[in-house]
Amino acid sequence: MKRLGLLPLIIIAIVLGIGAGFVTPMWLARCFATFNSIFSSFLGFIIPLLIVGFVAPAIAEIGRRAGAMLAATVLTAYIMTYGSGLLAYFTASTVFPPLLSHVSYGEVSAAGSSPEAFFTLSIDPLMNVMTALFLAFILGFGGAALPGATALRKGLDDFRDVIRLIIVKTIIPLLPLYIFGIFLSMTMAGTVGPLLATFIKIIVVIFVLHVGVLVVQYCIASLFSRRNPFKCLWTMMPAYFTALGTQSSAATIPVTLNRTIAMGVDKDVAGFVVPLCATIHMSGSTLKIVACALALMITKGMPFDLTMFAGFIGMLGITIVAAPGVPGGAIMASLGLLSSILGFTEADNALMIALYISMDSFGTACNITGDGAIAQIINRCFSKNISSTVKGEK
């Protein structure tokens, strides 16, 4: 029997959690609440380590590949990522309030009581999120700047592998059970009905936003390439649909590379930009996280403003670098920021995980399709002297 992917398991967990919420006795529900409490505490402990494990090696690797084209690619990818987050904020802050005006979790009367854990296990993180991020910068730039720091770079790579192993072998397999417990608890508390209606509306809006972001990115790229943006987007569609099926930026690189060259991008430019952007360009992921976070804040009546989200998006674009190598890596890496900057609770983060993973393939497709737009911009700036540039970086 073919092993189910994470998305089907999450969907099954949500359905079973809702159904079980109507028939599960309180003592059993409290068992799941106890597991969720421990798992949430473990997540809180691992998040700062995840940030160090992902960001530090990525900075060290990028920093070793000096060159103007590298700097331009990284800067362009970050601007695209940040811009998609801002577009998501302005669109969601305009569309979601009237769309979700009838949903307010603060006013939902509970049909029953939410189960409480039998006991809690406090696992204090070694550092907070901001400390972890600055530590990652110091270690990453140190590993890149010191020629003899091979042991440091090897240590960072090994630490990243340890964190990735924990996520793949522990967190990801237990996530469906965690999501099951969350929806079981919400069903028993009588809040799950409005939530499901909210989910559907959010997913539709975010899908439209993905299309809008790609159109904007290719229109910007057309100012450099002087090519029809819609024809270029059509050329990239095989990469888009491949990403929908594989849910992996890395697995889609060969198709993305082929389609980028088919748009007229120099093959050496494409060969440099596409693999790099598969790691650092996260427009679709950022868009999803921002829109989902804003929707949940609106339904909970939490205050928000542009200043708050401008800082959140800026930190998010850095924190989720190199996260695509892990299933659900972007949302895992962002949990600390959601809590520290936006004030999300354990239940809020669980809902964010469920929402994000339910649209995971669309975010990946948006990320890799946008790589073609970045490649067009870099091609315009560097194609004339690309041969010497690439040789100097190898």
Protein backbone atom coordinates (compact mmCIF):
# COMPACT_ATOMS: atom_id res chain seq x y z
CA MET A 1 0.00 0.00 0.00
CA LYS A 2 1.36 3.39 -0.96
CA ARG A 3 2.25 5.52 2.03
CA LEU A 4 -0.01 8.52 2.52
CA GLY A 5 1.53 11.97 2.31
CA LEU A 6 1.35 14.60 5.03
CA LEU A 7 -1.58 16.49 3.49
CA PRO A 8 -3.94 13.45 3.35
CA LEU A 9 -2.98 12.56 6.92
CA ILE A 10 -3.75 16.10 8.10
CA ILE A 11 -7.13 16.03 6.35
CA ILE A 12 -7.94 12.64 7.89
CA ALA A 13 -6.88 13.94 11.32
CA ILE A 14 -9.18 16.97 10.98
CA VAL A 15 -12.16 14.84 9.92
CA LEU A 16 -11.59 12.24 12.63
CA GLY A 17 -11.01 14.94 15.25
CA ILE A 18 -14.32 16.61 14.42
CA GLY A 19 -16.21 13.30 14.40
CA ALA A 20 -14.60 12.06 17.60
CA GLY A 21 -15.43 15.31 19.35
CA PHE A 22 -19.11 14.34 19.47
CA VAL A 23 -18.60 10.90 21.03
CA THR A 24 -15.29 10.88 22.92
CA PRO A 25 -15.57 10.66 26.73
CA MET A 26 -13.88 13.43 28.68
CA TRP A 27 -11.22 11.16 30.20
CA LEU A 28 -10.01 10.10 26.75
CA ALA A 29 -10.15 13.67 25.44
CA ARG A 30 -7.97 14.69 28.37
CA CYS A 31 -5.41 12.06 27.29
CA PHE A 32 -5.15 13.73 23.87
CA ALA A 33 -5.00 17.14 25.57
CA THR A 34 -2.08 15.89 27.66
CA PHE A 35 -0.24 14.71 24.54
CA ASN A 36 -0.90 18.05 22.84
CA SER A 37 0.44 19.93 25.85
CA ILE A 38 3.70 17.94 25.84
CA PHE A 39 4.07 18.10 22.06
CA SER A 40 3.48 21.85 22.08
CA SER A 41 6.13 22.30 24.75
CA PHE A 42 8.56 20.24 22.68
CA LEU A 43 7.79 22.39 19.62
CA GLY A 44 8.54 25.50 21.64
CA PHE A 45 11.89 24.02 22.61
CA ILE A 46 12.88 22.94 19.11
CA ILE A 47 11.86 26.12 17.22
CA PRO A 48 14.91 28.25 18.20
CA LEU A 49 17.18 25.30 17.39
CA LEU A 50 15.39 24.91 14.06
CA ILE A 51 16.09 28.56 13.21
CA VAL A 52 19.78 28.19 14.03
CA GLY A 53 19.96 24.84 12.23
CA PHE A 54 18.39 26.14 9.01
CA VAL A 55 19.49 29.76 8.77
CA ALA A 56 23.16 29.56 9.88
CA PRO A 57 24.27 26.93 7.31
CA ALA A 58 22.30 28.69 4.57
CA ILE A 59 24.05 32.02 5.26
CA ALA A 60 27.44 30.30 5.44
CA GLU A 61 26.82 28.58 2.11
CA ILE A 62 25.59 31.73 0.35
CA GLY A 63 28.37 33.84 1.84
CA ARG A 64 31.06 31.55 0.40
CA ARG A 65 29.73 32.12 -3.10
CA ALA A 66 30.85 35.71 -3.49
CA GLY A 67 29.94 37.74 -6.54
CA ALA A 68 27.74 40.50 -7.83
CA MET A 69 25.31 38.08 -9.47
CA LEU A 70 24.85 36.19 -6.22
CA ALA A 71 24.15 39.41 -4.32
CA ALA A 72 21.70 40.57 -6.98
CA THR A 73 19.88 37.21 -6.98
CA VAL A 74 19.59 37.07 -3.19
CA LEU A 75 18.40 40.69 -3.01
CA THR A 76 15.86 40.21 -5.82
CA ALA A 77 14.51 37.02 -4.24
CA TYR A 78 14.15 38.75 -0.88
CA ILE A 79 12.40 41.77 -2.42
CA MET A 80 10.00 39.44 -4.25
CA THR A 81 9.34 37.52 -1.03
CA TYR A 82 8.82 40.68 1.01
CA GLY A 83 6.63 42.21 -1.68
CA SER A 84 4.39 39.16 -1.80
CA GLY A 85 3.97 39.37 1.97
CA LEU A 86 2.97 43.04 1.77
CA LEU A 87 0.55 42.31 -1.09
CA ALA A 88 -0.99 39.54 1.04
CA TYR A 89 -1.32 41.92 3.98
CA PHE A 90 -3.00 44.74 2.05
CA THR A 91 -5.30 42.36 0.19
CA ALA A 92 -6.25 40.28 3.23
CA SER A 93 -6.74 43.33 5.47
CA THR A 94 -9.18 44.66 2.87
CA VAL A 95 -10.99 41.44 1.89
CA PHE A 96 -11.08 39.44 5.11
CA PRO A 97 -12.87 41.86 7.51
CA PRO A 98 -16.18 41.91 5.54
CA LEU A 99 -15.74 38.28 4.46
CA LEU A 100 -15.19 37.02 8.01
CA SER A 101 -17.27 39.62 9.84
CA HIS A 102 -19.82 37.03 11.03
CA VAL A 103 -17.11 34.85 12.59
CA SER A 104 -15.89 35.78 16.06
CA TYR A 105 -14.50 33.05 18.26
CA GLY A 106 -14.89 35.29 21.26
CA GLU A 107 -18.66 35.23 20.77
CA VAL A 108 -19.09 31.54 20.00
CA SER A 109 -20.96 29.91 22.85
CA ALA A 110 -19.42 26.63 23.84
CA ALA A 111 -21.51 23.52 23.47
CA GLY A 112 -19.32 21.85 26.05
CA SER A 113 -16.10 22.32 27.96
CA SER A 114 -12.67 22.06 26.42
CA PRO A 115 -10.72 19.09 27.83
CA GLU A 116 -7.77 19.91 30.07
CA ALA A 117 -4.49 18.01 30.26
CA PHE A 118 -3.95 15.63 33.17
CA PHE A 119 -0.50 17.19 33.60
CA THR A 120 1.88 19.47 31.75
CA LEU A 121 5.57 19.09 31.03
CA SER A 122 7.46 22.37 30.78
CA ILE A 123 10.43 22.24 28.38
CA ASP A 124 11.97 25.69 28.40
CA PRO A 125 13.70 26.68 25.12
CA LEU A 126 17.41 27.40 25.33
CA MET A 127 16.84 30.87 23.83
CA ASN A 128 14.08 33.02 22.43
CA VAL A 129 13.43 33.41 18.72
CA MET A 130 15.29 36.70 18.24
CA THR A 131 18.34 35.39 20.07
CA ALA A 132 18.30 32.30 17.87
CA LEU A 133 18.08 34.43 14.72
CA PHE A 134 21.00 36.65 15.72
CA LEU A 135 23.04 33.60 16.74
CA ALA A 136 22.33 32.11 13.31
CA PHE A 137 23.57 35.34 11.67
CA ILE A 138 26.78 35.35 13.71
CA LEU A 139 27.57 31.68 13.07
CA GLY A 140 26.56 31.88 9.40
CA PHE A 141 28.56 35.00 8.57
CA GLY A 142 31.47 33.72 10.66
CA GLY A 143 31.48 30.45 8.76
CA ALA A 144 31.43 32.34 5.48
CA ALA A 145 34.06 34.94 6.38
CA LEU A 146 36.74 32.76 7.97
CA PRO A 147 38.65 30.76 5.32
CA GLY A 148 39.81 28.18 7.85
CA ALA A 149 36.44 27.67 9.55
CA THR A 150 35.85 24.31 7.91
CA ALA A 151 35.10 22.66 11.26
CA LEU A 152 32.48 25.34 12.02
CA ARG A 153 30.82 24.91 8.63
CA LYS A 154 30.86 21.14 8.99
CA GLY A 155 29.37 21.50 12.46
CA LEU A 156 26.59 23.75 11.16
CA ASP A 157 25.83 21.28 8.38
CA ASP A 158 25.72 18.40 10.86
CA PHE A 159 23.50 20.36 13.24
CA ARG A 160 21.13 21.12 10.36
CA ASP A 161 20.98 17.40 9.57
CA VAL A 162 20.14 16.65 13.21
CA ILE A 163 17.30 19.18 13.24
CA ARG A 164 16.03 17.92 9.90
CA LEU A 165 16.08 14.35 11.25
CA ILE A 166 14.07 15.39 14.32
CA ILE A 167 11.49 17.11 12.13
CA VAL A 168 11.19 14.28 9.61
CA LYS A 169 11.27 11.39 12.09
CA THR A 170 9.47 12.91 15.09
CA ILE A 171 7.55 16.12 14.50
CA ILE A 172 6.08 15.37 11.07
CA PRO A 173 4.83 11.85 12.03
CA LEU A 174 3.22 13.21 15.22
CA LEU A 175 1.67 16.28 13.59
CA PRO A 176 -1.55 14.48 12.48
CA LEU A 177 -2.13 13.29 16.05
CA TYR A 178 -1.51 16.83 17.30
CA ILE A 179 -3.97 18.28 14.77
CA PHE A 180 -6.48 15.55 15.71
CA GLY A 181 -6.27 16.60 19.35
CA ILE A 182 -6.75 20.28 18.48
CA PHE A 183 -9.91 19.65 16.42
CA LEU A 184 -11.22 17.17 18.99
CA SER A 185 -10.88 19.87 21.65
CA MET A 186 -12.49 22.55 19.48
CA THR A 187 -15.40 20.29 18.60
CA MET A 188 -16.08 19.57 22.27
CA ALA A 189 -15.87 23.33 22.95
CA GLY A 190 -18.32 24.10 20.12
CA THR A 191 -16.03 26.30 18.00
CA VAL A 192 -15.25 24.04 15.06
CA GLY A 193 -18.26 24.95 12.85
CA PRO A 194 -17.34 28.60 12.25
CA LEU A 195 -13.72 27.56 11.84
CA LEU A 196 -14.41 25.22 8.87
CA ALA A 197 -16.37 27.93 7.04
CA THR A 198 -13.46 30.27 7.66
CA PHE A 199 -10.97 27.71 6.28
CA ILE A 200 -12.75 27.47 2.94
CA LYS A 201 -12.93 31.24 2.44
CA ILE A 202 -9.28 31.71 3.36
CA ILE A 203 -8.14 29.00 0.93
CA VAL A 204 -10.07 30.55 -1.98
CA VAL A 205 -8.68 34.03 -1.31
CA ILE A 206 -5.12 32.75 -0.99
CA PHE A 207 -5.33 30.81 -4.25
CA VAL A 208 -6.42 34.01 -6.05
CA LEU A 209 -3.58 35.86 -4.32
CA HIS A 210 -1.06 33.32 -5.63
CA VAL A 211 -2.18 33.99 -9.18
CA GLY A 212 -2.03 37.74 -8.58
CA VAL A 213 1.50 37.57 -7.16
CA LEU A 214 2.77 35.62 -10.18
CA VAL A 215 1.20 38.10 -12.59
CA VAL A 216 2.80 41.03 -10.74
CA GLN A 217 6.20 39.31 -10.63
CA TYR A 218 6.20 38.55 -14.33
CA CYS A 219 5.00 42.06 -15.20
CA ILE A 220 7.95 43.43 -13.25
CA ALA A 221 10.29 40.97 -14.97
CA SER A 222 8.92 42.04 -18.36
CA LEU A 223 10.23 45.56 -17.70
CA PHE A 224 13.71 44.02 -17.77
CA SER A 225 13.29 41.26 -20.35
CA ARG A 226 10.86 43.14 -22.63
CA ARG A 227 8.90 39.93 -23.10
CA ASN A 228 5.17 39.34 -22.84
CA PRO A 229 4.60 38.42 -19.16
CA PHE A 230 1.60 36.21 -19.89
CA LYS A 231 3.45 34.23 -22.55
CA CYS A 232 6.30 33.74 -20.08
CA LEU A 233 3.87 32.55 -17.43
CA TRP A 234 2.37 30.10 -19.90
CA THR A 235 5.85 28.79 -20.68
CA MET A 236 6.40 28.14 -16.96
CA MET A 237 3.15 26.19 -16.49
CA PRO A 238 4.81 22.74 -16.74
CA ALA A 239 7.00 23.70 -13.77
CA TYR A 240 3.93 25.01 -11.91
CA PHE A 241 1.98 21.78 -12.33
CA THR A 242 5.03 19.64 -11.59
CA ALA A 243 5.37 21.48 -8.27
CA LEU A 244 1.67 20.91 -7.56
CA GLY A 245 2.25 17.18 -7.91
CA THR A 246 5.61 16.84 -6.17
CA GLN A 247 5.12 19.53 -3.47
CA SER A 248 8.90 19.97 -3.65
CA SER A 249 10.93 22.90 -4.99
CA ALA A 250 14.05 20.71 -5.22
CA ALA A 251 12.29 17.95 -7.18
CA THR A 252 10.97 20.52 -9.65
CA ILE A 253 14.36 22.13 -10.39
CA PRO A 254 14.98 20.20 -13.68
CA VAL A 255 11.61 21.26 -15.08
CA THR A 256 11.97 24.83 -13.78
CA LEU A 257 15.42 25.03 -15.36
CA ASN A 258 14.16 23.75 -18.71
CA ARG A 259 11.20 26.16 -18.79
CA THR A 260 13.33 29.12 -17.71
CA ILE A 261 15.72 28.52 -20.61
CA ALA A 262 12.70 28.15 -22.90
CA MET A 263 11.70 31.71 -21.93
CA GLY A 264 14.96 32.94 -23.43
CA VAL A 265 17.09 33.12 -20.28
CA ASP A 266 20.78 32.32 -20.84
CA LYS A 267 21.40 28.71 -19.79
CA ASP A 268 24.28 29.70 -17.50
CA VAL A 269 22.14 32.32 -15.77
CA ALA A 270 19.31 29.82 -15.40
CA GLY A 271 21.71 27.18 -14.10
CA PHE A 272 22.87 29.58 -11.39
CA VAL A 273 19.59 31.29 -10.43
CA VAL A 274 17.07 28.43 -10.44
CA PRO A 275 18.81 26.08 -7.94
CA LEU A 276 19.65 29.01 -5.67
CA CYS A 277 16.11 30.42 -5.71
CA ALA A 278 14.67 26.98 -4.96
CA THR A 279 16.17 27.57 -1.51
CA ILE A 280 15.86 31.31 -0.89
CA HIS A 281 12.80 32.49 -2.85
CA MET A 282 9.65 31.97 -0.74
CA SER A 283 6.98 34.31 -2.14
CA GLY A 284 4.19 31.71 -2.10
CA SER A 285 5.03 30.47 1.37
CA THR A 286 5.24 33.99 2.81
CA LEU A 287 1.96 34.94 1.16
CA LYS A 288 0.19 31.96 2.74
CA ILE A 289 1.57 32.53 6.21
CA VAL A 290 0.74 36.24 6.21
CA ALA A 291 -2.79 35.78 4.86
CA CYS A 292 -3.61 32.88 7.20
CA ALA A 293 -2.21 34.71 10.23
CA LEU A 294 -4.18 37.85 9.42
CA ALA A 295 -7.40 35.86 8.92
CA LEU A 296 -7.04 34.16 12.30
CA MET A 297 -6.27 37.47 14.00
CA ILE A 298 -9.40 39.03 12.48
CA THR A 299 -11.65 36.17 13.61
CA LYS A 300 -10.20 36.34 17.12
CA GLY A 301 -10.46 40.12 17.34
CA MET A 302 -6.69 40.53 17.81
CA PRO A 303 -5.24 43.97 17.03
CA PHE A 304 -2.90 44.32 14.06
CA ASP A 305 -1.39 47.07 11.93
CA LEU A 306 1.02 47.58 9.05
CA THR A 307 3.98 48.24 11.34
CA MET A 308 3.52 44.90 13.08
CA PHE A 309 3.25 42.94 9.84
CA ALA A 310 6.04 44.87 8.09
CA GLY A 311 8.43 43.66 10.77
CA PHE A 312 6.92 40.19 10.79
CA ILE A 313 7.28 39.81 7.01
CA GLY A 314 10.85 41.10 7.11
CA MET A 315 11.86 38.54 9.73
CA LEU A 316 9.86 35.80 8.04
CA GLY A 317 11.70 36.22 4.73
CA ILE A 318 14.97 35.49 6.53
CA THR A 319 13.78 32.82 8.96
CA ILE A 320 12.31 30.47 6.38
CA VAL A 321 15.45 30.43 4.20
CA ALA A 322 16.41 26.82 3.44
CA ALA A 323 13.18 25.54 5.01
CA PRO A 324 11.83 24.05 1.73
CA GLY A 325 14.05 21.00 2.23
CA VAL A 326 11.73 19.78 5.00
CA PRO A 327 8.00 18.98 4.63
CA GLY A 328 6.15 21.89 6.21
CA GLY A 329 9.51 23.47 7.03
CA ALA A 330 8.42 27.05 6.33
CA ILE A 331 5.49 27.00 8.75
CA MET A 332 7.59 25.18 11.37
CA ALA A 333 10.30 27.83 11.15
CA SER A 334 7.72 30.61 11.41
CA LEU A 335 5.99 29.37 14.58
CA GLY A 336 8.38 31.27 16.83
CA LEU A 337 7.71 34.54 14.97
CA LEU A 338 3.97 33.94 15.07
CA SER A 339 4.13 33.65 18.85
CA SER A 340 6.70 36.34 19.61
CA ILE A 341 5.58 39.04 17.16
CA LEU A 342 1.88 38.35 16.54
CA GLY A 343 1.05 36.84 19.94
CA PHE A 344 -0.27 33.48 18.70
CA THR A 345 -1.16 30.74 21.18
CA GLU A 346 -0.58 26.99 20.94
CA ALA A 347 -4.01 26.47 19.38
CA ASP A 348 -3.44 29.33 16.93
CA ASN A 349 -0.16 27.77 15.77
CA ALA A 350 -1.85 24.39 15.33
CA LEU A 351 -4.49 25.98 13.10
CA MET A 352 -1.76 27.74 11.13
CA ILE A 353 -0.05 24.38 10.54
CA ALA A 354 -3.31 22.82 9.32
CA LEU A 355 -4.12 25.76 7.05
CA TYR A 356 -0.61 25.99 5.64
CA ILE A 357 -0.22 22.31 4.86
CA SER A 358 -3.69 22.17 3.27
CA MET A 359 -2.32 24.58 0.62
CA ASP A 360 1.28 23.41 0.63
CA SER A 361 1.46 22.45 -3.04
CA PHE A 362 0.08 25.81 -4.20
CA GLY A 363 2.69 27.70 -2.21
CA THR A 364 5.49 25.55 -3.64
CA ALA A 365 4.17 26.07 -7.16
CA CYS A 366 4.09 29.84 -6.63
CA ASN A 367 7.65 29.80 -5.26
CA ILE A 368 9.23 27.93 -8.15
CA THR A 369 7.20 29.65 -10.89
CA GLY A 370 8.34 33.00 -9.52
CA ASP A 371 11.95 31.78 -9.87
CA GLY A 372 11.56 32.25 -13.63
CA ALA A 373 10.73 35.93 -13.15
CA ILE A 374 13.84 36.42 -11.02
CA ALA A 375 15.93 34.64 -13.64
CA GLN A 376 14.69 37.08 -16.30
CA ILE A 377 15.76 40.06 -14.19
CA ILE A 378 19.20 38.61 -13.47
CA ASN A 379 19.60 37.60 -17.11
CA ARG A 380 19.05 41.18 -18.23
CA CYS A 381 21.71 42.45 -15.81
CA PHE A 382 24.40 39.77 -16.19
CA SER A 383 23.94 37.75 -19.39
CA LYS A 384 26.68 39.61 -21.32
CA ASN A 385 29.45 38.66 -18.90
CA ILE A 386 27.92 35.55 -17.35
CA SER A 387 30.61 33.15 -18.50
CA SER A 388 33.39 34.90 -16.63
CA THR A 389 31.13 35.49 -13.62
CA VAL A 390 30.15 31.86 -13.27
CA LYS A 391 33.71 30.62 -13.76
CA GLY A 392 34.89 32.92 -11.01
CA GLU A 393 32.32 31.55 -8.57
CA LYS A 394 32.96 27.87 -9.13
